[in-house]
N, C-alpha and C. Protein backbone atom coordinates (compact mmCIF):
# COMPACT_ATOMS: atom_id res chain seq x y z
N MET A 1 0.82 -1.15 0.00
CA MET A 1 0.01 -0.02 -0.02
C MET A 1 0.79 1.31 -0.02
N TYR A 2 1.85 1.26 0.86
CA TYR A 2 2.80 2.45 1.04
C TYR A 2 3.41 2.67 -0.28
N LEU A 3 3.98 1.53 -0.87
CA LEU A 3 4.82 1.77 -2.21
C LEU A 3 3.89 2.20 -3.27
N SER A 4 2.72 1.68 -3.35
CA SER A 4 1.69 2.08 -4.33
C SER A 4 1.45 3.58 -4.28
N TYR A 5 1.16 4.07 -3.07
CA TYR A 5 0.87 5.44 -2.88
C TYR A 5 2.06 6.37 -3.18
N ALA A 6 3.18 5.92 -2.74
CA ALA A 6 4.43 6.70 -3.09
C ALA A 6 4.70 6.78 -4.61
N ALA A 7 4.41 5.70 -5.31
CA ALA A 7 4.65 5.67 -6.75
C ALA A 7 3.48 6.51 -7.40
N LEU A 8 2.24 6.48 -6.80
CA LEU A 8 1.20 7.25 -7.33
C LEU A 8 1.45 8.79 -7.31
N ILE A 9 1.93 9.20 -6.27
CA ILE A 9 2.22 10.71 -6.04
C ILE A 9 3.54 11.05 -6.68
N GLY A 10 4.34 10.08 -7.15
CA GLY A 10 5.68 10.49 -7.86
C GLY A 10 6.71 10.56 -6.96
N ASP A 11 6.70 9.90 -5.78
CA ASP A 11 7.71 9.99 -4.68
C ASP A 11 8.62 8.81 -4.97
N PHE A 12 9.30 8.70 -6.16
CA PHE A 12 10.15 7.58 -6.47
C PHE A 12 11.41 7.51 -5.61
N GLU A 13 11.86 8.59 -5.04
CA GLU A 13 12.89 8.40 -4.08
C GLU A 13 12.61 7.43 -2.97
N ARG A 14 11.36 7.59 -2.37
CA ARG A 14 11.05 6.66 -1.28
C ARG A 14 10.80 5.24 -1.73
N VAL A 15 10.40 5.04 -2.96
CA VAL A 15 10.25 3.67 -3.47
C VAL A 15 11.62 3.05 -3.64
N VAL A 16 12.52 3.81 -4.14
CA VAL A 16 13.94 3.28 -4.41
C VAL A 16 14.47 2.99 -3.02
N GLU A 17 14.44 3.94 -2.11
CA GLU A 17 14.95 3.72 -0.68
C GLU A 17 14.41 2.39 -0.03
N HIS A 18 13.07 2.24 -0.28
CA HIS A 18 12.53 0.97 0.17
C HIS A 18 13.10 -0.23 -0.23
N TRP A 19 13.29 -0.36 -1.61
CA TRP A 19 13.80 -1.47 -2.24
C TRP A 19 15.35 -1.66 -1.87
N ILE A 20 16.01 -0.57 -1.61
CA ILE A 20 17.42 -0.59 -1.18
C ILE A 20 17.52 -1.14 0.23
N LEU A 21 16.69 -0.66 1.07
CA LEU A 21 16.59 -1.14 2.44
C LEU A 21 16.35 -2.63 2.51
N GLU A 22 15.46 -3.12 1.62
CA GLU A 22 15.08 -4.47 1.55
C GLU A 22 16.28 -5.33 0.77
N GLU A 23 17.24 -4.70 0.23
CA GLU A 23 18.31 -5.21 -0.46
C GLU A 23 17.78 -5.89 -1.80
N ASP A 24 16.70 -5.42 -2.37
CA ASP A 24 16.14 -5.92 -3.55
C ASP A 24 16.59 -5.07 -4.69
N TRP A 25 17.88 -5.20 -5.18
CA TRP A 25 18.49 -4.40 -6.15
C TRP A 25 17.81 -4.14 -7.40
N VAL A 26 17.21 -5.30 -8.01
CA VAL A 26 16.65 -5.42 -9.23
C VAL A 26 15.42 -4.48 -9.24
N ASN A 27 14.62 -4.47 -8.11
CA ASN A 27 13.43 -3.67 -8.04
C ASN A 27 13.84 -2.11 -7.78
N ALA A 28 14.87 -1.92 -7.11
CA ALA A 28 15.38 -0.55 -6.94
C ALA A 28 15.79 -0.02 -8.37
N ILE A 29 16.52 -0.69 -9.07
CA ILE A 29 16.98 -0.29 -10.52
C ILE A 29 15.74 -0.14 -11.35
N ASP A 30 14.78 -1.05 -11.25
CA ASP A 30 13.59 -0.92 -12.11
C ASP A 30 12.80 0.34 -11.70
N ALA A 31 12.66 0.64 -10.34
CA ALA A 31 11.98 1.93 -10.04
C ALA A 31 12.60 3.12 -10.61
N ILE A 32 13.95 3.18 -10.58
CA ILE A 32 14.69 4.25 -11.10
C ILE A 32 14.44 4.47 -12.57
N SER A 33 14.46 3.17 -13.24
CA SER A 33 14.31 3.27 -14.73
C SER A 33 12.97 3.62 -15.17
N ARG A 34 11.94 3.41 -14.40
CA ARG A 34 10.57 3.81 -14.72
C ARG A 34 10.19 5.20 -14.59
N GLN A 35 11.12 6.04 -14.04
CA GLN A 35 10.75 7.52 -13.77
C GLN A 35 11.69 8.35 -14.66
N SER A 36 11.52 9.60 -14.57
CA SER A 36 12.27 10.47 -15.54
C SER A 36 13.22 11.40 -14.86
N ASP A 37 13.22 11.37 -13.61
CA ASP A 37 14.41 12.18 -12.69
C ASP A 37 15.63 11.60 -12.79
N LEU A 38 16.59 12.20 -13.67
CA LEU A 38 17.98 11.68 -13.57
C LEU A 38 18.73 11.77 -12.29
N GLU A 39 18.30 12.61 -11.41
CA GLU A 39 19.02 12.71 -10.12
C GLU A 39 19.14 11.50 -9.31
N LEU A 40 18.04 10.62 -9.51
CA LEU A 40 18.00 9.36 -8.77
C LEU A 40 19.08 8.40 -9.20
N TYR A 41 19.50 8.44 -10.46
CA TYR A 41 20.60 7.61 -10.95
C TYR A 41 21.89 8.05 -10.25
N TYR A 42 22.00 9.23 -10.11
CA TYR A 42 23.31 9.81 -9.41
C TYR A 42 23.21 9.55 -7.98
N GLN A 43 22.19 9.75 -7.39
CA GLN A 43 21.98 9.57 -5.85
C GLN A 43 22.20 8.15 -5.45
N PHE A 44 21.62 7.21 -6.20
CA PHE A 44 21.67 5.70 -5.71
C PHE A 44 22.74 4.96 -6.59
N GLY A 45 23.52 5.66 -7.42
CA GLY A 45 24.41 4.87 -8.21
C GLY A 45 25.47 4.16 -7.40
N PRO A 46 26.08 4.83 -6.44
CA PRO A 46 27.15 4.05 -5.64
C PRO A 46 26.68 2.83 -4.97
N VAL A 47 25.60 2.87 -4.31
CA VAL A 47 25.12 1.59 -3.58
C VAL A 47 24.54 0.61 -4.64
N LEU A 48 24.08 0.88 -5.66
CA LEU A 48 23.61 -0.12 -6.69
C LEU A 48 24.90 -0.58 -7.47
N MET A 49 25.84 0.13 -7.58
CA MET A 49 27.03 -0.38 -8.33
C MET A 49 27.83 -1.47 -7.42
N ARG A 50 27.74 -1.14 -6.11
CA ARG A 50 28.42 -2.13 -5.16
C ARG A 50 27.69 -3.40 -5.08
N ASN A 51 26.40 -3.35 -5.28
CA ASN A 51 25.54 -4.53 -5.08
C ASN A 51 25.08 -5.21 -6.28
N ALA A 52 24.83 -4.52 -7.40
CA ALA A 52 24.18 -5.07 -8.58
C ALA A 52 24.93 -4.19 -9.79
N PRO A 53 26.29 -4.55 -9.97
CA PRO A 53 26.93 -3.68 -10.97
C PRO A 53 26.39 -3.90 -12.42
N ARG A 54 26.15 -5.17 -12.70
CA ARG A 54 25.74 -5.43 -14.20
C ARG A 54 24.44 -4.73 -14.47
N ASP A 55 23.40 -5.03 -13.55
CA ASP A 55 22.13 -4.42 -13.81
C ASP A 55 22.22 -2.93 -13.79
N THR A 56 22.93 -2.30 -12.96
CA THR A 56 23.15 -0.91 -12.78
C THR A 56 23.73 -0.35 -14.12
N VAL A 57 24.78 -0.98 -14.61
CA VAL A 57 25.27 -0.39 -15.83
C VAL A 57 24.44 -0.58 -17.03
N ASP A 58 23.64 -1.69 -17.03
CA ASP A 58 22.65 -1.87 -18.11
C ASP A 58 21.58 -0.83 -18.04
N SER A 59 21.18 -0.35 -16.91
CA SER A 59 20.16 0.67 -16.74
C SER A 59 20.81 2.05 -17.20
N TRP A 60 22.04 2.24 -16.86
CA TRP A 60 22.81 3.53 -17.25
C TRP A 60 22.97 3.54 -18.80
N ILE A 61 23.27 2.39 -19.50
CA ILE A 61 23.37 2.38 -20.90
C ILE A 61 22.12 2.75 -21.61
N ARG A 62 20.97 2.27 -21.02
CA ARG A 62 19.70 2.55 -21.62
C ARG A 62 19.21 3.99 -21.35
N GLN A 63 19.97 4.67 -20.61
CA GLN A 63 19.51 6.09 -20.32
C GLN A 63 20.61 7.03 -20.87
N PRO A 64 20.63 7.34 -22.23
CA PRO A 64 21.74 8.17 -22.78
C PRO A 64 21.74 9.53 -22.30
N ALA A 65 20.70 10.17 -21.57
CA ALA A 65 20.75 11.41 -21.12
C ALA A 65 21.60 11.69 -19.82
N LEU A 66 22.04 10.61 -19.28
CA LEU A 66 22.93 10.77 -18.04
C LEU A 66 24.21 11.46 -18.40
N ASP A 67 24.68 12.27 -17.36
CA ASP A 67 26.04 12.91 -17.50
C ASP A 67 27.04 11.78 -16.87
N PRO A 68 27.84 11.21 -17.68
CA PRO A 68 28.70 10.21 -17.12
C PRO A 68 29.80 10.73 -16.17
N LEU A 69 30.00 12.10 -16.28
CA LEU A 69 31.03 12.64 -15.20
C LEU A 69 30.34 12.68 -13.78
N ARG A 70 29.05 12.67 -13.70
CA ARG A 70 28.40 12.60 -12.42
C ARG A 70 28.33 11.19 -11.80
N LEU A 71 28.56 10.23 -12.69
CA LEU A 71 28.57 8.85 -12.30
C LEU A 71 30.02 8.35 -11.81
N VAL A 72 30.96 9.17 -12.03
CA VAL A 72 32.27 8.81 -11.63
C VAL A 72 32.49 8.39 -10.20
N PRO A 73 31.84 8.97 -9.21
CA PRO A 73 31.99 8.47 -7.83
C PRO A 73 31.45 7.07 -7.70
N ALA A 74 30.35 6.74 -8.39
CA ALA A 74 29.83 5.33 -8.32
C ALA A 74 30.81 4.27 -8.98
N LEU A 75 31.43 4.81 -10.06
CA LEU A 75 32.41 3.94 -10.77
C LEU A 75 33.62 3.64 -9.96
N LEU A 76 34.03 4.72 -9.22
CA LEU A 76 35.19 4.57 -8.32
C LEU A 76 34.89 3.71 -7.11
N GLN A 77 33.77 3.88 -6.51
CA GLN A 77 33.35 3.04 -5.42
C GLN A 77 33.28 1.59 -5.77
N PHE A 78 32.89 1.24 -7.06
CA PHE A 78 32.72 -0.13 -7.43
C PHE A 78 34.19 -0.59 -7.53
N GLN A 79 35.22 0.07 -7.85
CA GLN A 79 36.59 -0.38 -7.90
C GLN A 79 37.00 -0.78 -6.65
N LEU A 80 36.67 -0.13 -5.64
CA LEU A 80 37.10 -0.39 -4.23
C LEU A 80 36.42 -1.59 -3.50
N ALA A 81 35.32 -1.97 -4.00
CA ALA A 81 34.53 -3.04 -3.42
C ALA A 81 35.08 -4.34 -3.88
N PRO A 82 35.07 -5.28 -3.00
CA PRO A 82 35.55 -6.68 -3.35
C PRO A 82 34.56 -7.28 -4.33
N ARG A 83 35.26 -7.90 -5.29
CA ARG A 83 34.51 -8.55 -6.42
C ARG A 83 35.19 -9.73 -7.13
N ASP A 84 34.32 -10.52 -7.72
CA ASP A 84 34.93 -11.81 -8.31
C ASP A 84 35.86 -11.32 -9.36
N PRO A 85 37.13 -11.72 -9.34
CA PRO A 85 38.13 -11.30 -10.27
C PRO A 85 37.89 -11.92 -11.81
N LEU A 86 37.03 -12.99 -11.83
CA LEU A 86 36.76 -13.51 -13.13
C LEU A 86 35.69 -12.80 -13.93
N SER A 87 34.92 -12.02 -13.12
CA SER A 87 33.76 -11.36 -13.75
C SER A 87 34.23 -10.11 -14.47
N PRO A 88 33.54 -9.70 -15.54
CA PRO A 88 34.04 -8.52 -16.31
C PRO A 88 33.85 -7.34 -15.38
N ASN A 89 34.70 -6.27 -15.71
CA ASN A 89 34.75 -5.06 -14.87
C ASN A 89 33.55 -4.16 -15.54
N GLN A 90 32.54 -3.97 -14.67
CA GLN A 90 31.32 -3.16 -15.24
C GLN A 90 31.57 -1.72 -15.34
N ALA A 91 32.48 -1.20 -14.54
CA ALA A 91 32.97 0.21 -14.74
C ALA A 91 33.58 0.47 -16.12
N THR A 92 34.44 -0.41 -16.38
CA THR A 92 35.14 -0.34 -17.72
C THR A 92 34.10 -0.53 -18.88
N ARG A 93 33.13 -1.46 -18.69
CA ARG A 93 32.20 -1.61 -19.66
C ARG A 93 31.34 -0.41 -19.96
N TYR A 94 30.97 0.33 -18.93
CA TYR A 94 30.27 1.51 -18.89
C TYR A 94 31.10 2.63 -19.67
N LEU A 95 32.34 2.80 -19.24
CA LEU A 95 33.19 3.84 -19.72
C LEU A 95 33.47 3.62 -21.22
N ASN A 96 33.71 2.24 -21.62
CA ASN A 96 33.88 1.91 -22.96
C ASN A 96 32.59 2.29 -23.85
N HIS A 97 31.53 2.10 -23.29
CA HIS A 97 30.24 2.42 -24.01
C HIS A 97 30.19 3.99 -24.16
N VAL A 98 30.42 4.68 -23.12
CA VAL A 98 30.32 6.06 -23.17
C VAL A 98 31.39 6.72 -24.09
N ILE A 99 32.60 6.26 -24.14
CA ILE A 99 33.67 6.73 -24.99
C ILE A 99 33.53 6.28 -26.41
N PHE A 100 33.26 5.06 -26.70
CA PHE A 100 33.19 4.56 -28.07
C PHE A 100 31.88 4.65 -28.78
N ASP A 101 30.83 4.39 -28.02
CA ASP A 101 29.44 4.44 -28.58
C ASP A 101 28.88 5.81 -28.60
N GLN A 102 29.01 6.51 -27.51
CA GLN A 102 28.37 7.89 -27.32
C GLN A 102 29.40 8.91 -27.84
N LEU A 103 30.68 8.50 -28.26
CA LEU A 103 31.70 9.40 -28.53
C LEU A 103 31.98 10.56 -27.61
N ASN A 104 32.01 10.26 -26.34
CA ASN A 104 32.31 11.28 -25.34
C ASN A 104 33.78 11.50 -25.41
N THR A 105 34.19 12.88 -25.39
CA THR A 105 35.65 13.22 -25.51
C THR A 105 36.12 13.76 -24.17
N SER A 106 35.45 13.51 -23.04
CA SER A 106 35.94 14.03 -21.76
C SER A 106 37.27 13.37 -21.43
N SER A 107 38.24 14.21 -21.15
CA SER A 107 39.56 13.64 -20.80
C SER A 107 39.42 12.94 -19.42
N THR A 108 38.60 13.45 -18.58
CA THR A 108 38.32 12.73 -17.24
C THR A 108 37.97 11.25 -17.46
N LEU A 109 37.09 10.99 -18.36
CA LEU A 109 36.56 9.61 -18.59
C LEU A 109 37.61 8.85 -19.36
N HIS A 110 38.34 9.43 -20.24
CA HIS A 110 39.49 8.73 -20.95
C HIS A 110 40.56 8.33 -19.90
N ASN A 111 40.98 9.18 -18.98
CA ASN A 111 41.94 9.06 -18.01
C ASN A 111 41.50 7.88 -17.08
N LEU A 112 40.16 7.93 -16.75
CA LEU A 112 39.65 6.91 -15.83
C LEU A 112 39.65 5.52 -16.42
N VAL A 113 39.30 5.39 -17.64
CA VAL A 113 39.13 4.03 -18.26
C VAL A 113 40.69 3.53 -18.41
N ILE A 114 41.65 4.39 -18.69
CA ILE A 114 43.00 3.98 -18.73
C ILE A 114 43.49 3.49 -17.37
N THR A 115 43.12 4.29 -16.22
CA THR A 115 43.53 3.91 -14.98
C THR A 115 43.04 2.65 -14.52
N LEU A 116 41.72 2.48 -14.91
CA LEU A 116 41.02 1.17 -14.52
C LEU A 116 41.69 -0.08 -15.20
N HIS A 117 42.09 0.09 -16.53
CA HIS A 117 42.80 -0.96 -17.23
C HIS A 117 44.15 -1.22 -16.63
N ALA A 118 44.81 -0.24 -16.10
CA ALA A 118 46.21 -0.32 -15.62
C ALA A 118 46.15 -0.54 -14.06
N SER A 119 45.12 -0.77 -13.44
CA SER A 119 45.06 -0.84 -12.01
C SER A 119 45.55 -2.25 -11.53
N PRO A 120 45.99 -2.32 -10.33
CA PRO A 120 46.40 -3.65 -9.86
C PRO A 120 45.41 -4.75 -9.91
N ALA A 121 44.22 -4.50 -9.85
CA ALA A 121 43.14 -5.47 -10.09
C ALA A 121 43.18 -6.09 -11.39
N ALA A 122 43.62 -5.25 -12.43
CA ALA A 122 43.72 -5.79 -13.82
C ALA A 122 45.01 -6.52 -14.06
N ALA A 123 45.91 -6.45 -13.17
CA ALA A 123 47.33 -6.98 -13.25
C ALA A 123 47.33 -8.57 -13.26
N GLY A 124 46.35 -8.98 -12.58
CA GLY A 124 46.31 -10.53 -12.48
C GLY A 124 45.98 -11.25 -13.84
N PHE A 125 45.49 -10.62 -14.80
CA PHE A 125 45.13 -11.15 -16.06
C PHE A 125 46.24 -10.96 -17.06
N ASN A 126 46.21 -11.66 -18.16
CA ASN A 126 47.02 -11.30 -19.30
C ASN A 126 46.92 -9.97 -19.70
N PRO A 127 47.87 -9.16 -20.12
CA PRO A 127 47.80 -7.80 -20.67
C PRO A 127 46.61 -7.66 -21.58
N VAL A 128 45.98 -6.62 -21.40
CA VAL A 128 44.82 -6.27 -22.30
C VAL A 128 45.36 -5.32 -23.26
N PHE A 129 45.46 -5.60 -24.58
CA PHE A 129 45.94 -4.66 -25.51
C PHE A 129 44.68 -3.87 -26.13
N ILE A 130 44.60 -2.65 -25.49
CA ILE A 130 43.51 -1.84 -25.87
C ILE A 130 44.00 -0.53 -26.61
N SER A 131 43.27 0.14 -27.36
CA SER A 131 43.56 1.33 -27.96
C SER A 131 42.45 2.33 -27.53
N ILE A 132 42.91 3.39 -27.08
CA ILE A 132 41.93 4.46 -26.75
C ILE A 132 41.90 5.60 -27.85
N ARG A 133 40.80 5.79 -28.28
CA ARG A 133 40.82 6.91 -29.30
C ARG A 133 41.15 8.21 -28.67
N ARG A 134 42.00 8.91 -29.11
CA ARG A 134 42.42 10.26 -28.60
C ARG A 134 42.09 11.19 -29.65
N TRP A 135 41.00 12.03 -29.59
CA TRP A 135 40.65 12.88 -30.55
C TRP A 135 41.69 14.21 -30.55
N ALA A 136 42.35 14.48 -29.58
CA ALA A 136 43.29 15.47 -29.52
C ALA A 136 44.51 15.17 -30.33
N CYS A 137 44.88 13.81 -30.43
CA CYS A 137 45.96 13.35 -31.26
C CYS A 137 45.48 13.05 -32.81
N GLY A 138 44.23 12.68 -32.92
CA GLY A 138 43.80 12.40 -34.28
C GLY A 138 44.05 10.99 -34.70
N ARG A 139 44.45 10.10 -33.69
CA ARG A 139 44.83 8.74 -34.06
C ARG A 139 44.60 7.91 -32.73
N ALA A 140 44.59 6.66 -32.78
CA ALA A 140 44.56 5.79 -31.79
C ALA A 140 45.84 5.78 -30.90
N VAL A 141 45.91 5.70 -29.67
CA VAL A 141 47.10 5.62 -28.90
C VAL A 141 47.04 4.36 -27.99
N SER A 142 48.03 3.49 -28.11
CA SER A 142 48.02 2.30 -27.38
C SER A 142 48.51 2.61 -25.97
N ILE A 143 47.90 1.99 -24.93
CA ILE A 143 48.39 2.26 -23.69
C ILE A 143 49.41 1.14 -23.12
N TRP A 144 49.66 0.20 -23.95
CA TRP A 144 50.47 -0.93 -23.58
C TRP A 144 51.86 -0.48 -22.93
N PRO A 145 52.57 0.54 -23.57
CA PRO A 145 53.76 0.96 -22.97
C PRO A 145 53.64 1.63 -21.57
N TRP A 146 52.59 2.23 -21.42
CA TRP A 146 52.22 2.77 -19.97
C TRP A 146 51.94 1.73 -18.94
N LYS A 147 51.13 0.70 -19.41
CA LYS A 147 50.87 -0.39 -18.53
C LYS A 147 52.16 -1.09 -18.20
N LYS A 148 53.00 -1.37 -19.15
CA LYS A 148 54.24 -2.13 -19.06
C LYS A 148 55.11 -1.37 -18.08
N ALA A 149 55.25 -0.03 -18.14
CA ALA A 149 56.02 0.84 -17.28
C ALA A 149 55.50 0.69 -15.82
N THR A 150 54.15 0.77 -15.76
CA THR A 150 53.39 0.83 -14.42
C THR A 150 53.73 -0.57 -13.80
N TRP A 151 53.62 -1.53 -14.44
CA TRP A 151 53.73 -2.94 -13.87
C TRP A 151 55.30 -3.20 -13.38
N SER A 152 56.24 -2.87 -14.35
CA SER A 152 57.65 -3.23 -14.12
C SER A 152 58.29 -2.33 -13.11
N SER A 153 57.92 -1.01 -12.98
CA SER A 153 58.57 -0.02 -12.07
C SER A 153 57.91 0.09 -10.83
N GLN A 154 56.80 -0.52 -10.57
CA GLN A 154 56.08 -0.37 -9.27
C GLN A 154 55.79 1.11 -8.96
N ASN A 155 55.58 1.84 -10.05
CA ASN A 155 55.21 3.25 -9.85
C ASN A 155 56.32 4.21 -9.57
N SER A 156 57.69 3.79 -9.77
CA SER A 156 58.78 4.59 -9.40
C SER A 156 59.02 5.53 -10.46
N MET A 157 58.51 5.34 -11.67
CA MET A 157 58.75 6.41 -12.77
C MET A 157 57.71 7.53 -12.56
N PRO A 158 58.09 8.78 -12.72
CA PRO A 158 57.22 9.85 -12.74
C PRO A 158 56.04 9.78 -13.62
N ILE A 159 54.89 10.21 -13.21
CA ILE A 159 53.65 10.14 -14.07
C ILE A 159 53.88 10.80 -15.48
N SER A 160 54.47 11.94 -15.36
CA SER A 160 54.71 12.65 -16.63
C SER A 160 55.51 11.82 -17.63
N GLN A 161 56.41 10.97 -17.19
CA GLN A 161 57.24 10.15 -18.20
C GLN A 161 56.41 8.95 -18.64
N ARG A 162 55.44 8.39 -17.70
CA ARG A 162 54.64 7.21 -17.94
C ARG A 162 53.51 7.58 -18.95
N THR A 163 52.96 8.83 -18.86
CA THR A 163 51.70 8.95 -19.56
C THR A 163 51.77 9.92 -20.84
N THR A 164 52.93 10.41 -21.08
CA THR A 164 53.12 11.34 -22.29
C THR A 164 53.34 10.39 -23.54
N HIS A 165 52.62 10.65 -24.57
CA HIS A 165 52.84 9.76 -25.80
C HIS A 165 53.25 10.77 -26.98
N ASN A 166 53.46 10.16 -28.11
CA ASN A 166 54.06 10.82 -29.28
C ASN A 166 53.32 12.11 -29.62
N CYS A 167 51.95 12.23 -29.31
CA CYS A 167 51.22 13.38 -29.82
C CYS A 167 51.50 14.58 -28.81
N GLY A 168 52.20 14.41 -27.73
CA GLY A 168 52.55 15.53 -26.84
C GLY A 168 51.49 15.63 -25.88
N LYS A 169 50.41 14.98 -25.81
CA LYS A 169 49.41 15.11 -24.93
C LYS A 169 49.67 14.21 -23.78
N SER A 170 49.26 14.56 -22.53
CA SER A 170 49.34 13.73 -21.38
C SER A 170 48.12 13.21 -20.84
N PHE A 171 48.06 12.00 -20.47
CA PHE A 171 46.84 11.33 -19.90
C PHE A 171 46.76 11.75 -18.40
N GLY A 172 47.83 12.28 -17.83
CA GLY A 172 47.71 12.63 -16.48
C GLY A 172 47.31 13.94 -16.11
């Protein structure tokens, strides 16, 4: 009754809070997806990313009006949470969607996806050869030399030396 009334009067924040308190992540994401206020995506993003990262990223991808920069705190909190090392990284999945499908040119998002690929959590796998489109350079830039330097030197190399590439632009 309470949830029906809250939904009827448009108080979706209370509906989402209820489902989060019940730890019913799918219903919380569904409630956010059924309404038009983007603020709820930003407000509940961190808790949903920690508990239901795949479903959360799926809902973000279905909502192209979201500002990905406002979702960065949720993406960073996901990185700090313990997770199955064999499952795909949902934060990088969302960032790759924003960068390559939505053609977002924000240097913050580009730097974040590079950092996530080069993080210690990614070091347990075989090296991932990825290329990040850098519109400032006008060509694709491989981050493999940067990852190799990061792994081999245990961060003893200054960031400016690790992140500057032939186009003269710095990722840092």
